[in-house]
């Protein structure tokens, strides 16, 4: 990461110790808040370790809990969220699917409103699943997206900033 601008400032970003995995975002916003400007660095390399996740860690991403806190602290990052209120497009479509499923209990004609989630997930390419395996993948992703929305909803209630 290359920053330009205030050369004389030696103040560094104070990153909370318990950011829940968003320390890079937190630090970046602190640095920009201190007056530093962004600058493209073509030769910069960022290396992230590739870690094999257990099924539980893939479904339950506890780091999502902190993102509503970031949105509360820096409302301007909403413009990077999907429609301003969703962390990912899949969360918006999963929320619509849940609304359709719950409404479908009383009004069966509401069930087709879940179709955009199905289309969204089935259109994504998969290097490992084909045929009926894609339907299993759809079910797994629906569970994961539902848990993610629930985690973000809990974080939204905790930090007072809606982000699903």
N, C-alpha and C. Protein backbone atom coordinates (compact mmCIF):
# COMPACT_ATOMS: atom_id res chain seq x y z
N UNK A 1 0.84 -1.18 0.00
CA UNK A 1 0.00 0.00 0.00
C UNK A 1 0.89 1.24 0.00
N UNK A 2 0.62 2.12 -0.88
CA UNK A 2 1.41 3.34 -0.97
C UNK A 2 0.54 4.52 -0.60
N UNK A 3 1.02 5.34 0.28
CA UNK A 3 0.28 6.54 0.62
C UNK A 3 1.12 7.75 0.28
N UNK A 4 0.48 8.78 -0.10
CA UNK A 4 1.18 10.00 -0.44
C UNK A 4 0.60 11.14 0.37
N UNK A 5 1.20 12.27 0.30
CA UNK A 5 0.61 13.40 1.01
C UNK A 5 1.44 13.81 2.20
N UNK A 6 0.85 13.88 3.36
CA UNK A 6 1.46 14.43 4.56
C UNK A 6 2.76 13.75 4.95
N UNK A 7 3.86 14.25 4.50
CA UNK A 7 5.15 13.65 4.84
C UNK A 7 5.52 13.86 6.29
N UNK A 8 5.13 14.99 6.84
CA UNK A 8 5.58 15.33 8.18
C UNK A 8 4.85 14.55 9.27
N UNK A 9 3.74 13.94 8.93
CA UNK A 9 2.98 13.23 9.94
C UNK A 9 3.61 11.88 10.25
N UNK A 10 3.85 11.62 11.52
CA UNK A 10 4.39 10.32 11.92
C UNK A 10 3.34 9.51 12.67
N UNK A 11 2.15 10.06 12.74
CA UNK A 11 1.08 9.37 13.45
C UNK A 11 0.64 8.16 12.63
N UNK A 12 0.47 7.05 13.28
CA UNK A 12 0.04 5.84 12.59
C UNK A 12 -1.39 5.53 12.99
N UNK A 13 -1.97 4.66 12.23
CA UNK A 13 -3.36 4.27 12.51
C UNK A 13 -3.42 3.44 13.78
N UNK A 14 -4.37 3.76 14.60
CA UNK A 14 -4.57 2.95 15.80
C UNK A 14 -5.64 1.92 15.50
N UNK A 15 -5.23 0.69 15.35
CA UNK A 15 -6.14 -0.37 15.02
C UNK A 15 -6.62 -1.04 16.29
N UNK A 16 -7.93 -1.13 16.49
CA UNK A 16 -8.43 -1.82 17.67
C UNK A 16 -7.93 -3.26 17.69
N UNK A 17 -7.70 -3.78 18.86
CA UNK A 17 -7.17 -5.13 18.96
C UNK A 17 -8.21 -6.18 18.62
N UNK A 18 -9.49 -5.84 18.76
CA UNK A 18 -10.53 -6.82 18.48
C UNK A 18 -11.42 -6.34 17.34
N UNK A 19 -10.88 -6.24 16.16
CA UNK A 19 -11.68 -5.81 15.02
C UNK A 19 -12.39 -6.98 14.37
N UNK A 20 -12.04 -8.19 14.72
CA UNK A 20 -12.73 -9.34 14.18
C UNK A 20 -12.35 -9.65 12.74
N UNK A 21 -11.21 -9.20 12.29
CA UNK A 21 -10.78 -9.54 10.96
C UNK A 21 -10.83 -8.40 9.97
N UNK A 22 -11.29 -7.25 10.36
CA UNK A 22 -11.36 -6.10 9.45
C UNK A 22 -10.30 -5.08 9.78
N UNK A 23 -9.18 -5.53 10.34
CA UNK A 23 -8.14 -4.60 10.77
C UNK A 23 -7.57 -3.82 9.60
N UNK A 24 -7.46 -4.42 8.43
CA UNK A 24 -6.95 -3.71 7.27
C UNK A 24 -7.86 -2.56 6.87
N UNK A 25 -9.15 -2.80 6.88
CA UNK A 25 -10.11 -1.75 6.55
C UNK A 25 -10.08 -0.65 7.60
N UNK A 26 -10.04 -1.07 8.86
CA UNK A 26 -10.00 -0.11 9.96
C UNK A 26 -8.74 0.76 9.86
N UNK A 27 -7.61 0.13 9.67
CA UNK A 27 -6.35 0.87 9.57
C UNK A 27 -6.34 1.79 8.36
N UNK A 28 -6.82 1.30 7.23
CA UNK A 28 -6.87 2.12 6.03
C UNK A 28 -7.72 3.36 6.20
N UNK A 29 -8.87 3.21 6.83
CA UNK A 29 -9.75 4.36 7.06
C UNK A 29 -9.13 5.33 8.06
N UNK A 30 -8.43 4.81 9.07
CA UNK A 30 -7.76 5.69 10.02
C UNK A 30 -6.67 6.51 9.33
N UNK A 31 -5.89 5.85 8.48
CA UNK A 31 -4.81 6.53 7.77
C UNK A 31 -5.39 7.61 6.85
N UNK A 32 -6.44 7.26 6.10
CA UNK A 32 -7.06 8.25 5.21
C UNK A 32 -7.68 9.38 6.02
N UNK A 33 -8.21 9.06 7.19
CA UNK A 33 -8.77 10.10 8.06
C UNK A 33 -7.72 11.04 8.61
N UNK A 34 -6.47 10.57 8.66
CA UNK A 34 -5.36 11.41 9.12
C UNK A 34 -4.80 12.29 8.00
N UNK A 35 -5.42 12.25 6.85
CA UNK A 35 -5.02 13.13 5.77
C UNK A 35 -4.16 12.53 4.69
N UNK A 36 -3.84 11.27 4.78
CA UNK A 36 -3.01 10.64 3.75
C UNK A 36 -3.87 10.38 2.51
N UNK A 37 -3.27 10.49 1.35
CA UNK A 37 -3.98 10.25 0.10
C UNK A 37 -3.61 8.88 -0.46
N UNK A 38 -4.51 8.31 -1.23
CA UNK A 38 -4.23 7.03 -1.88
C UNK A 38 -3.44 7.27 -3.15
N UNK A 39 -2.60 6.33 -3.48
CA UNK A 39 -1.82 6.41 -4.70
C UNK A 39 -1.63 4.99 -5.23
N UNK A 40 -1.80 4.82 -6.53
CA UNK A 40 -1.62 3.50 -7.13
C UNK A 40 -0.15 3.13 -7.14
N UNK A 41 0.14 1.92 -6.73
CA UNK A 41 1.52 1.41 -6.75
C UNK A 41 1.52 0.12 -7.57
N UNK A 42 1.92 0.24 -8.83
CA UNK A 42 1.88 -0.90 -9.73
C UNK A 42 2.73 -2.08 -9.30
N UNK A 43 3.82 -1.84 -8.61
CA UNK A 43 4.72 -2.91 -8.21
C UNK A 43 4.38 -3.52 -6.85
N UNK A 44 3.34 -3.02 -6.21
CA UNK A 44 2.99 -3.53 -4.88
C UNK A 44 2.43 -4.94 -4.98
N UNK A 45 2.80 -5.77 -4.04
CA UNK A 45 2.28 -7.13 -3.97
C UNK A 45 1.67 -7.36 -2.60
N UNK A 46 0.51 -7.96 -2.60
CA UNK A 46 -0.14 -8.32 -1.35
C UNK A 46 -0.22 -9.83 -1.31
N UNK A 47 0.25 -10.41 -0.25
CA UNK A 47 0.25 -11.86 -0.12
C UNK A 47 -0.66 -12.24 1.04
N UNK A 48 -1.64 -13.07 0.73
CA UNK A 48 -2.54 -13.59 1.76
C UNK A 48 -2.37 -15.10 1.78
N UNK A 49 -2.24 -15.68 2.94
CA UNK A 49 -2.11 -17.14 2.98
C UNK A 49 -3.42 -17.82 2.58
N UNK A 50 -3.30 -18.92 1.88
CA UNK A 50 -4.47 -19.72 1.54
C UNK A 50 -4.61 -20.77 2.62
N UNK A 51 -5.73 -20.75 3.29
CA UNK A 51 -5.96 -21.64 4.41
C UNK A 51 -7.16 -22.53 4.10
N UNK A 52 -7.00 -23.80 4.32
CA UNK A 52 -8.12 -24.73 4.11
C UNK A 52 -9.12 -24.53 5.25
N UNK A 53 -10.38 -24.30 4.88
CA UNK A 53 -11.42 -24.07 5.88
C UNK A 53 -12.19 -25.35 6.16
N UNK A 54 -12.54 -25.52 7.41
CA UNK A 54 -13.46 -26.61 7.74
C UNK A 54 -14.85 -26.19 7.25
N UNK A 55 -15.76 -27.12 7.16
CA UNK A 55 -17.12 -26.80 6.73
C UNK A 55 -17.74 -25.76 7.67
N UNK A 56 -17.51 -25.92 8.97
CA UNK A 56 -18.06 -24.99 9.94
C UNK A 56 -17.54 -23.57 9.71
N UNK A 57 -16.25 -23.41 9.49
CA UNK A 57 -15.68 -22.08 9.27
C UNK A 57 -16.12 -21.49 7.94
N UNK A 58 -16.43 -22.33 6.96
CA UNK A 58 -16.93 -21.84 5.68
C UNK A 58 -18.35 -21.30 5.84
N UNK A 59 -19.16 -22.01 6.61
CA UNK A 59 -20.55 -21.58 6.82
C UNK A 59 -20.61 -20.41 7.79
N UNK A 60 -19.89 -20.49 8.89
CA UNK A 60 -19.97 -19.49 9.96
C UNK A 60 -18.76 -18.56 9.90
N UNK A 61 -18.91 -17.44 9.21
CA UNK A 61 -17.84 -16.46 9.07
C UNK A 61 -18.04 -15.38 10.14
N UNK A 62 -17.46 -15.59 11.29
CA UNK A 62 -17.69 -14.69 12.43
C UNK A 62 -17.12 -13.30 12.20
N UNK A 63 -16.21 -13.15 11.25
CA UNK A 63 -15.64 -11.84 10.97
C UNK A 63 -16.67 -10.86 10.43
N UNK A 64 -17.76 -11.36 9.87
CA UNK A 64 -18.79 -10.48 9.32
C UNK A 64 -19.43 -9.61 10.40
N UNK A 65 -19.39 -10.05 11.63
CA UNK A 65 -20.04 -9.33 12.73
C UNK A 65 -19.54 -7.89 12.88
N UNK A 66 -18.28 -7.65 12.53
CA UNK A 66 -17.67 -6.34 12.75
C UNK A 66 -17.98 -5.33 11.64
N UNK A 67 -18.40 -5.78 10.47
CA UNK A 67 -18.59 -4.85 9.37
C UNK A 67 -19.65 -3.78 9.62
N UNK A 68 -20.76 -4.07 10.31
CA UNK A 68 -21.68 -2.97 10.64
C UNK A 68 -21.02 -1.89 11.50
N UNK A 69 -20.06 -2.29 12.32
CA UNK A 69 -19.32 -1.31 13.13
C UNK A 69 -18.52 -0.37 12.24
N UNK A 70 -17.91 -0.92 11.20
CA UNK A 70 -17.16 -0.10 10.26
C UNK A 70 -18.08 0.86 9.51
N UNK A 71 -19.26 0.37 9.13
CA UNK A 71 -20.23 1.21 8.43
C UNK A 71 -20.71 2.33 9.34
N UNK A 72 -20.87 2.02 10.60
CA UNK A 72 -21.29 3.06 11.56
C UNK A 72 -20.19 4.11 11.72
N UNK A 73 -18.96 3.66 11.80
CA UNK A 73 -17.83 4.58 12.01
C UNK A 73 -17.54 5.41 10.78
N UNK A 74 -17.63 4.79 9.61
CA UNK A 74 -17.36 5.47 8.34
C UNK A 74 -18.52 5.23 7.38
N UNK A 75 -19.59 6.01 7.48
CA UNK A 75 -20.77 5.80 6.61
C UNK A 75 -20.46 5.87 5.11
N UNK A 76 -19.38 6.55 4.75
CA UNK A 76 -19.04 6.67 3.33
C UNK A 76 -18.67 5.34 2.68
N UNK A 77 -18.36 4.32 3.46
CA UNK A 77 -18.03 3.03 2.82
C UNK A 77 -19.28 2.29 2.35
N UNK A 78 -20.46 2.80 2.68
CA UNK A 78 -21.69 2.18 2.17
C UNK A 78 -21.72 2.15 0.65
N UNK A 79 -21.06 3.12 0.02
CA UNK A 79 -21.09 3.16 -1.44
C UNK A 79 -20.39 1.95 -2.06
N UNK A 80 -19.59 1.24 -1.28
CA UNK A 80 -18.93 0.03 -1.77
C UNK A 80 -19.75 -1.22 -1.49
N UNK A 81 -20.83 -1.08 -0.73
CA UNK A 81 -21.70 -2.20 -0.43
C UNK A 81 -22.76 -2.31 -1.53
N UNK A 82 -23.26 -3.49 -1.75
CA UNK A 82 -24.24 -3.71 -2.79
C UNK A 82 -25.55 -3.04 -2.40
N UNK A 83 -26.02 -2.11 -3.18
CA UNK A 83 -27.22 -1.31 -2.91
C UNK A 83 -27.13 -0.54 -1.60
N UNK A 84 -25.96 -0.41 -1.04
CA UNK A 84 -25.76 0.38 0.17
C UNK A 84 -26.08 -0.34 1.47
N UNK A 85 -26.77 -1.47 1.40
CA UNK A 85 -27.19 -2.15 2.62
C UNK A 85 -26.83 -3.62 2.67
N UNK A 86 -26.23 -4.14 1.61
CA UNK A 86 -25.91 -5.56 1.56
C UNK A 86 -24.41 -5.74 1.36
N UNK A 87 -23.81 -6.64 2.14
CA UNK A 87 -22.38 -6.90 2.06
C UNK A 87 -22.02 -7.49 0.71
N UNK A 88 -22.86 -8.38 0.21
CA UNK A 88 -22.66 -9.03 -1.09
C UNK A 88 -24.00 -9.15 -1.78
N UNK A 89 -24.02 -9.25 -3.11
CA UNK A 89 -25.29 -9.44 -3.81
C UNK A 89 -26.03 -10.70 -3.36
N UNK A 90 -25.28 -11.76 -3.04
CA UNK A 90 -25.94 -13.00 -2.62
C UNK A 90 -26.75 -12.80 -1.34
N UNK A 91 -26.33 -11.87 -0.49
CA UNK A 91 -27.08 -11.61 0.74
C UNK A 91 -28.40 -10.93 0.44
N UNK A 92 -28.43 -10.06 -0.56
CA UNK A 92 -29.68 -9.42 -0.94
C UNK A 92 -30.66 -10.45 -1.49
N UNK A 93 -30.15 -11.30 -2.38
CA UNK A 93 -31.03 -12.31 -2.98
C UNK A 93 -31.47 -13.35 -1.95
N UNK A 94 -30.60 -13.71 -1.00
CA UNK A 94 -30.99 -14.65 0.06
C UNK A 94 -32.04 -14.03 0.97
N UNK A 95 -31.91 -12.74 1.26
CA UNK A 95 -32.91 -12.05 2.09
C UNK A 95 -34.26 -12.04 1.39
N UNK A 96 -34.25 -11.78 0.08
CA UNK A 96 -35.49 -11.81 -0.70
C UNK A 96 -36.08 -13.22 -0.71
N UNK A 97 -35.22 -14.23 -0.84
CA UNK A 97 -35.70 -15.61 -0.84
C UNK A 97 -36.33 -15.96 0.50
N UNK A 98 -35.72 -15.55 1.61
CA UNK A 98 -36.31 -15.81 2.92
C UNK A 98 -37.64 -15.09 3.08
N UNK A 99 -37.71 -13.85 2.62
CA UNK A 99 -38.98 -13.11 2.70
C UNK A 99 -40.05 -13.84 1.89
N UNK A 100 -39.68 -14.35 0.71
CA UNK A 100 -40.63 -15.07 -0.14
C UNK A 100 -41.06 -16.38 0.52
N UNK A 101 -40.11 -17.10 1.13
CA UNK A 101 -40.45 -18.36 1.79
C UNK A 101 -41.36 -18.14 2.99
N UNK A 102 -41.07 -17.12 3.77
CA UNK A 102 -41.91 -16.83 4.94
C UNK A 102 -43.29 -16.32 4.52
N UNK A 103 -43.33 -15.46 3.52
CA UNK A 103 -44.62 -14.97 3.02
C UNK A 103 -45.40 -16.10 2.36
N UNK A 104 -44.68 -17.06 1.77
CA UNK A 104 -45.31 -18.18 1.10
C UNK A 104 -46.12 -19.06 2.04
N UNK A 105 -45.85 -18.98 3.33
CA UNK A 105 -46.65 -19.74 4.30
C UNK A 105 -48.10 -19.28 4.26
N UNK A 106 -48.29 -17.97 4.17
CA UNK A 106 -49.64 -17.40 4.14
C UNK A 106 -50.15 -17.18 2.72
N UNK A 107 -49.26 -16.79 1.84
CA UNK A 107 -49.63 -16.46 0.46
C UNK A 107 -48.74 -17.23 -0.50
N UNK A 108 -49.16 -18.38 -0.96
CA UNK A 108 -48.33 -19.21 -1.84
C UNK A 108 -47.88 -18.49 -3.12
N UNK A 109 -48.62 -17.52 -3.57
CA UNK A 109 -48.23 -16.79 -4.78
C UNK A 109 -46.97 -15.95 -4.56
N UNK A 110 -46.49 -15.82 -3.31
CA UNK A 110 -45.27 -15.07 -3.03
C UNK A 110 -44.00 -15.90 -3.26
N UNK A 111 -44.14 -17.21 -3.36
CA UNK A 111 -42.97 -18.09 -3.50
C UNK A 111 -42.10 -17.81 -4.73
N UNK A 112 -42.67 -17.44 -5.87
CA UNK A 112 -41.78 -17.15 -7.02
C UNK A 112 -40.79 -16.00 -6.78
N UNK A 113 -41.00 -15.21 -5.76
CA UNK A 113 -40.05 -14.13 -5.46
C UNK A 113 -38.70 -14.68 -5.00
N UNK A 114 -38.62 -15.97 -4.70
CA UNK A 114 -37.35 -16.59 -4.33
C UNK A 114 -36.51 -16.95 -5.57
N UNK A 115 -37.10 -16.86 -6.74
CA UNK A 115 -36.41 -17.26 -7.97
C UNK A 115 -35.13 -16.47 -8.26
N UNK A 116 -35.05 -15.17 -7.98
CA UNK A 116 -33.79 -14.48 -8.28
C UNK A 116 -32.58 -15.08 -7.56
N UNK A 117 -32.76 -15.58 -6.34
CA UNK A 117 -31.64 -16.22 -5.65
C UNK A 117 -31.20 -17.47 -6.39
N UNK A 118 -32.17 -18.27 -6.82
CA UNK A 118 -31.85 -19.50 -7.55
C UNK A 118 -31.10 -19.17 -8.84
N UNK A 119 -31.58 -18.18 -9.57
CA UNK A 119 -30.93 -17.78 -10.82
C UNK A 119 -29.52 -17.27 -10.54
N UNK A 120 -29.40 -16.42 -9.52
CA UNK A 120 -28.09 -15.85 -9.18
C UNK A 120 -27.07 -16.94 -8.89
N UNK A 121 -27.43 -17.89 -8.04
CA UNK A 121 -26.49 -18.95 -7.66
C UNK A 121 -26.26 -19.97 -8.76
N UNK A 122 -27.29 -20.32 -9.52
CA UNK A 122 -27.12 -21.32 -10.57
C UNK A 122 -26.33 -20.79 -11.77
N UNK A 123 -26.32 -19.46 -11.95
CA UNK A 123 -25.56 -18.87 -13.06
C UNK A 123 -24.07 -18.82 -12.78
N UNK A 124 -23.69 -18.92 -11.52
CA UNK A 124 -22.26 -18.88 -11.17
C UNK A 124 -21.58 -20.16 -11.64
N UNK A 125 -20.39 -19.99 -12.18
CA UNK A 125 -19.67 -21.16 -12.66
C UNK A 125 -19.08 -21.93 -11.49
N UNK A 126 -18.91 -23.22 -11.71
CA UNK A 126 -18.33 -24.08 -10.69
C UNK A 126 -17.37 -25.04 -11.36
N UNK A 127 -16.16 -25.07 -10.85
CA UNK A 127 -15.17 -25.98 -11.40
C UNK A 127 -15.28 -27.38 -10.83
N UNK A 128 -16.07 -27.55 -9.79
CA UNK A 128 -16.14 -28.85 -9.13
C UNK A 128 -17.50 -29.52 -9.25
N UNK A 129 -18.56 -28.76 -9.47
CA UNK A 129 -19.90 -29.35 -9.50
C UNK A 129 -20.52 -29.19 -10.88
N UNK A 130 -21.21 -30.23 -11.31
CA UNK A 130 -21.99 -30.16 -12.55
C UNK A 130 -23.25 -30.99 -12.35
N UNK A 131 -24.23 -30.76 -13.17
CA UNK A 131 -25.47 -31.52 -13.08
C UNK A 131 -26.17 -31.34 -11.75
N UNK A 132 -26.52 -32.47 -11.12
CA UNK A 132 -27.22 -32.42 -9.84
C UNK A 132 -26.35 -31.88 -8.72
N UNK A 133 -25.05 -31.96 -8.89
CA UNK A 133 -24.14 -31.40 -7.88
C UNK A 133 -24.31 -29.91 -7.72
N UNK A 134 -24.71 -29.24 -8.81
CA UNK A 134 -24.95 -27.80 -8.73
C UNK A 134 -26.13 -27.49 -7.81
N UNK A 135 -27.11 -28.38 -7.75
CA UNK A 135 -28.25 -28.18 -6.84
C UNK A 135 -27.80 -28.34 -5.39
N UNK A 136 -26.90 -29.30 -5.14
CA UNK A 136 -26.36 -29.46 -3.79
C UNK A 136 -25.56 -28.22 -3.41
N UNK A 137 -24.80 -27.70 -4.36
CA UNK A 137 -24.03 -26.47 -4.14
C UNK A 137 -24.98 -25.31 -3.82
N UNK A 138 -26.11 -25.25 -4.52
CA UNK A 138 -27.10 -24.22 -4.28
C UNK A 138 -27.61 -24.29 -2.84
N UNK A 139 -27.91 -25.49 -2.37
CA UNK A 139 -28.38 -25.66 -0.99
C UNK A 139 -27.32 -25.25 0.03
N UNK A 140 -26.08 -25.64 -0.22
CA UNK A 140 -25.00 -25.28 0.70
C UNK A 140 -24.80 -23.77 0.75
N UNK A 141 -24.86 -23.13 -0.41
CA UNK A 141 -24.69 -21.67 -0.44
C UNK A 141 -25.87 -20.96 0.21
N UNK A 142 -27.08 -21.52 0.08
CA UNK A 142 -28.23 -20.89 0.73
C UNK A 142 -28.07 -20.92 2.25
N UNK A 143 -27.58 -22.03 2.77
CA UNK A 143 -27.32 -22.12 4.21
C UNK A 143 -26.24 -21.10 4.60
N UNK A 144 -25.16 -21.06 3.84
CA UNK A 144 -24.07 -20.13 4.15
C UNK A 144 -24.53 -18.67 4.06
N UNK A 145 -25.25 -18.32 3.01
CA UNK A 145 -25.73 -16.95 2.86
C UNK A 145 -26.71 -16.58 3.98
N UNK A 146 -27.55 -17.53 4.38
CA UNK A 146 -28.50 -17.28 5.45
C UNK A 146 -27.79 -17.03 6.78
N UNK A 147 -26.78 -17.83 7.08
CA UNK A 147 -26.00 -17.65 8.30
C UNK A 147 -25.25 -16.33 8.26
N UNK A 148 -24.70 -15.99 7.11
CA UNK A 148 -23.97 -14.71 6.97
C UNK A 148 -24.89 -13.52 7.20
N UNK A 149 -26.10 -13.57 6.64
CA UNK A 149 -27.06 -12.48 6.85
C UNK A 149 -27.43 -12.40 8.32
N UNK A 150 -27.59 -13.54 8.98
CA UNK A 150 -27.92 -13.54 10.41
C UNK A 150 -26.78 -12.93 11.23
N UNK A 151 -25.54 -13.24 10.90
CA UNK A 151 -24.39 -12.66 11.60
C UNK A 151 -24.35 -11.16 11.38
N UNK A 152 -24.55 -10.72 10.15
CA UNK A 152 -24.55 -9.29 9.86
C UNK A 152 -25.73 -8.59 10.54
N UNK A 153 -26.87 -9.25 10.63
CA UNK A 153 -28.02 -8.67 11.32
C UNK A 153 -27.72 -8.50 12.81
N UNK A 154 -27.08 -9.50 13.41
CA UNK A 154 -26.69 -9.39 14.82
C UNK A 154 -25.70 -8.24 15.02
N UNK A 155 -24.73 -8.12 14.12
CA UNK A 155 -23.79 -7.01 14.18
C UNK A 155 -24.48 -5.67 13.97
N UNK A 156 -25.48 -5.64 13.09
CA UNK A 156 -26.23 -4.41 12.84
C UNK A 156 -26.98 -3.96 14.09
N UNK A 157 -27.57 -4.92 14.79
CA UNK A 157 -28.27 -4.59 16.03
C UNK A 157 -27.27 -4.12 17.08
N UNK A 158 -26.14 -4.80 17.19
CA UNK A 158 -25.13 -4.45 18.19
C UNK A 158 -24.54 -3.06 17.97
N UNK A 159 -24.24 -2.73 16.71
CA UNK A 159 -23.55 -1.48 16.41
C UNK A 159 -24.45 -0.38 15.87
N UNK A 160 -25.73 -0.67 15.69
CA UNK A 160 -26.68 0.36 15.28
C UNK A 160 -26.51 0.86 13.86
N UNK A 161 -26.07 0.00 12.96
CA UNK A 161 -25.93 0.36 11.56
C UNK A 161 -26.35 -0.85 10.71
N UNK A 162 -27.40 -0.69 9.92
CA UNK A 162 -27.93 -1.81 9.17
C UNK A 162 -27.02 -2.19 8.01
N UNK A 163 -26.56 -3.41 8.03
CA UNK A 163 -25.79 -3.99 6.93
C UNK A 163 -26.11 -5.47 6.90
N UNK A 164 -26.65 -5.94 5.79
CA UNK A 164 -26.97 -7.34 5.64
C UNK A 164 -26.11 -7.89 4.56
